[in-house]
Amino acid sequence: MLPRRKSSHARSWLLPGTQLDYEIARAVDMTFEDGEGFAPVAGGLAIWHLDRWLAGSRATVYSLYEALGGMCPMGLSTLERTHFEQRLKQRLERALLDGELTVREVPLVRHVPPPFTEPVVIEREAPMERPAPPPPALEQDIAAQVRALRQAAADGTPFCEECAKKALQGPQKRAA
């Protein structure tokens, strides 16, 4: 059962942990009865999770920071955001250690995937078979290609790009 708050404006934040999730609330928003539901967790344990929360639940941590009176600037560069998040972590650490924020462990509130169901096989009509395309016509004259290659070999003309490069490098090496 979640604790009741003084006003409808009061709220709590749920952040993921390793074994359990953590519900964090401002101490000023809690009544005496609410405090009974919030078994205090060592602030150091929540501090230990801050980096992980910033990486995976940044919007929630920023919202928590704003509830403590901080302002989250927009359009920061990577370097500026790193410095801002260091200040943010220091503020949250101070609030956790001073008791300004209260933390309690709650069972994991993660969505469980639905149980496995057998797939349904839907039979469809077989697609119409199309005839295979005819093989490409041989428009090349193999005998003419053989004659051209033999003539080029007799003249010393290179056959390909690599042979042409080697032919150009040969006179340069001889000159050197």
Protein backbone atom coordinates (compact mmCIF):
# COMPACT_ATOMS: atom_id res chain seq x y z
CA MET A 1 0.00 0.00 0.00
CA LEU A 2 1.44 3.35 -1.01
CA PRO A 3 1.51 6.02 1.69
CA ARG A 4 -0.95 8.90 1.60
CA ARG A 5 0.36 12.39 1.06
CA LYS A 6 -0.65 15.73 2.62
CA SER A 7 -1.79 17.26 -0.65
CA SER A 8 -2.57 16.22 -4.17
CA HIS A 9 0.58 18.12 -5.28
CA ALA A 10 2.87 15.86 -3.27
CA ARG A 11 4.36 12.96 -5.13
CA SER A 12 6.93 10.24 -5.01
CA TRP A 13 9.41 8.94 -7.55
CA LEU A 14 9.98 5.28 -8.36
CA LEU A 15 13.51 4.36 -9.45
CA PRO A 16 14.86 0.89 -10.33
CA GLY A 17 17.26 -0.96 -8.06
CA THR A 18 19.11 -4.23 -8.46
CA GLN A 19 16.97 -6.45 -6.23
CA LEU A 20 14.14 -4.05 -5.35
CA ASP A 21 12.87 -0.73 -6.66
CA TYR A 22 13.13 2.44 -4.60
CA GLU A 23 10.35 4.92 -3.91
CA ILE A 24 11.67 8.36 -3.02
CA ALA A 25 9.57 11.16 -1.51
CA ARG A 26 10.29 14.55 0.02
CA ALA A 27 10.13 14.43 3.81
CA VAL A 28 8.12 17.68 3.98
CA ASP A 29 5.31 16.09 1.96
CA MET A 30 4.89 13.17 4.33
CA THR A 31 2.61 13.02 7.35
CA PHE A 32 3.42 11.08 10.50
CA GLU A 33 1.29 8.18 9.22
CA ASP A 34 3.17 8.17 5.95
CA GLY A 35 6.47 7.89 7.76
CA GLU A 36 5.39 4.53 9.12
CA GLY A 37 5.08 3.13 5.59
CA PHE A 38 8.49 4.45 4.65
CA ALA A 39 10.96 2.19 6.40
CA PRO A 40 14.12 4.24 6.05
CA VAL A 41 16.76 2.88 3.74
CA ALA A 42 20.31 3.96 4.26
CA GLY A 43 20.88 7.04 2.12
CA GLY A 44 24.20 5.60 1.02
CA LEU A 45 22.42 2.76 -0.75
CA ALA A 46 20.36 5.21 -2.79
CA ILE A 47 23.46 7.33 -3.44
CA TRP A 48 25.17 4.23 -4.76
CA HIS A 49 22.43 3.98 -7.44
CA LEU A 50 22.57 7.64 -8.55
CA ASP A 51 24.89 7.10 -11.53
CA ARG A 52 22.77 4.20 -12.74
CA TRP A 53 19.59 6.24 -12.35
CA LEU A 54 21.10 9.12 -14.30
CA ALA A 55 22.02 6.76 -17.12
CA GLY A 56 18.70 4.92 -17.31
CA SER A 57 16.08 7.17 -15.67
CA ARG A 58 17.42 10.67 -16.37
CA ALA A 59 13.99 12.33 -16.67
CA THR A 60 12.88 10.95 -13.29
CA VAL A 61 16.08 12.10 -11.56
CA TYR A 62 15.78 15.55 -13.16
CA SER A 63 12.17 15.76 -11.93
CA LEU A 64 13.32 14.83 -8.41
CA TYR A 65 16.01 17.53 -8.58
CA GLU A 66 13.43 20.12 -9.67
CA ALA A 67 11.19 19.14 -6.74
CA LEU A 68 14.10 20.06 -4.45
CA GLY A 69 14.19 23.54 -5.99
CA GLY A 70 16.78 22.98 -8.69
CA MET A 71 16.45 24.07 -12.28
CA CYS A 72 17.32 21.79 -15.18
CA PRO A 73 18.74 23.85 -18.06
CA MET A 74 17.97 22.91 -21.64
CA GLY A 75 20.31 22.63 -24.61
CA LEU A 76 23.48 21.75 -22.76
CA SER A 77 26.54 20.43 -24.54
CA THR A 78 27.97 17.11 -23.41
CA LEU A 79 30.59 18.82 -21.25
CA GLU A 80 28.06 21.23 -19.72
CA ARG A 81 25.64 18.37 -19.01
CA THR A 82 28.44 16.42 -17.28
CA HIS A 83 29.14 19.37 -14.96
CA PHE A 84 25.42 19.94 -14.35
CA GLU A 85 24.87 16.27 -13.48
CA GLN A 86 27.78 16.39 -11.02
CA ARG A 87 26.07 19.31 -9.22
CA LEU A 88 22.75 17.47 -9.41
CA LYS A 89 24.26 14.34 -7.83
CA GLN A 90 25.84 16.40 -5.04
CA ARG A 91 22.47 18.04 -4.30
CA LEU A 92 20.63 14.71 -4.25
CA GLU A 93 23.34 13.13 -2.07
CA ARG A 94 23.04 15.99 0.42
CA ALA A 95 19.23 15.69 0.44
CA LEU A 96 19.40 11.91 1.02
CA LEU A 97 21.95 12.19 3.83
CA ASP A 98 20.19 15.13 5.54
CA GLY A 99 16.83 13.36 5.48
CA GLU A 100 15.26 15.87 3.11
CA LEU A 101 14.40 12.88 0.92
CA THR A 102 13.09 9.62 2.32
CA VAL A 103 13.61 6.31 0.57
CA ARG A 104 11.89 2.99 0.89
CA GLU A 105 12.32 -0.28 -0.89
CA VAL A 106 9.35 -1.62 -2.83
CA PRO A 107 8.96 -4.91 -4.70
CA LEU A 108 9.99 -4.78 -8.34
CA VAL A 109 7.37 -2.95 -10.35
CA ARG A 110 8.53 -4.10 -13.74
CA HIS A 111 6.24 -5.34 -16.45
CA VAL A 112 6.28 -9.11 -16.79
CA PRO A 113 5.96 -10.39 -20.33
CA PRO A 114 2.75 -12.32 -21.02
CA PRO A 115 2.94 -16.09 -20.76
CA PHE A 116 3.96 -17.98 -23.88
CA THR A 117 1.13 -18.98 -26.16
CA GLU A 118 1.32 -21.40 -29.03
CA PRO A 119 1.56 -19.68 -32.39
CA VAL A 120 -1.44 -19.99 -34.65
CA VAL A 121 -0.68 -21.42 -38.07
CA ILE A 122 -2.53 -19.66 -40.85
CA GLU A 123 -2.74 -21.56 -44.08
CA ARG A 124 -2.52 -19.46 -47.19
CA GLU A 125 -2.83 -20.25 -50.83
CA ALA A 126 0.42 -21.06 -52.51
CA PRO A 127 1.67 -18.18 -54.64
CA MET A 128 1.36 -18.62 -58.38
CA GLU A 129 4.51 -19.97 -59.89
CA ARG A 130 6.15 -17.74 -62.43
CA PRO A 131 8.22 -19.26 -65.18
CA ALA A 132 11.96 -18.85 -64.78
CA PRO A 133 13.43 -16.13 -66.98
CA PRO A 134 15.30 -17.39 -70.02
CA PRO A 135 19.09 -17.49 -69.77
CA PRO A 136 20.81 -14.38 -71.13
CA ALA A 137 21.63 -14.58 -74.82
CA LEU A 138 25.28 -15.02 -75.66
CA GLU A 139 25.95 -11.92 -77.69
CA GLN A 140 29.67 -12.15 -77.16
CA ASP A 141 31.96 -13.51 -79.81
CA ILE A 142 34.36 -15.66 -77.81
CA ALA A 143 36.64 -16.23 -80.80
CA ALA A 144 36.99 -12.44 -81.32
CA GLN A 145 37.91 -11.97 -77.63
CA VAL A 146 40.60 -14.65 -77.89
CA ARG A 147 42.07 -13.00 -81.00
CA ALA A 148 42.11 -9.57 -79.27
CA LEU A 149 43.85 -10.92 -76.17
CA ARG A 150 46.49 -12.76 -78.21
CA GLN A 151 47.17 -9.66 -80.32
CA ALA A 152 47.50 -7.50 -77.17
CA ALA A 153 49.90 -10.03 -75.63
CA ALA A 154 52.02 -10.01 -78.79
CA ASP A 155 52.10 -6.16 -78.83
CA GLY A 156 52.77 -5.93 -75.04
CA THR A 157 49.51 -4.07 -74.40
CA PRO A 158 48.29 -4.54 -70.79
CA PHE A 159 45.02 -6.50 -70.36
CA CYS A 160 43.74 -4.94 -67.14
CA GLU A 161 44.20 -1.99 -64.81
CA GLU A 162 46.76 -3.79 -62.64
CA CYS A 163 48.81 -4.78 -65.69
CA ALA A 164 48.70 -1.17 -66.89
CA LYS A 165 50.00 0.06 -63.50
CA LYS A 166 52.83 -2.46 -63.59
CA ALA A 167 53.69 -1.44 -67.15
CA LEU A 168 53.93 2.20 -66.05
CA GLN A 169 56.05 1.37 -62.99
CA GLY A 170 58.51 -0.74 -64.99
CA PRO A 171 60.09 2.19 -66.95
CA GLN A 172 60.17 4.33 -63.78
CA LYS A 173 62.13 1.65 -61.88
CA ARG A 174 64.56 1.26 -64.78
CA ALA A 175 65.15 5.03 -64.89
CA ALA A 176 65.91 5.10 -61.17
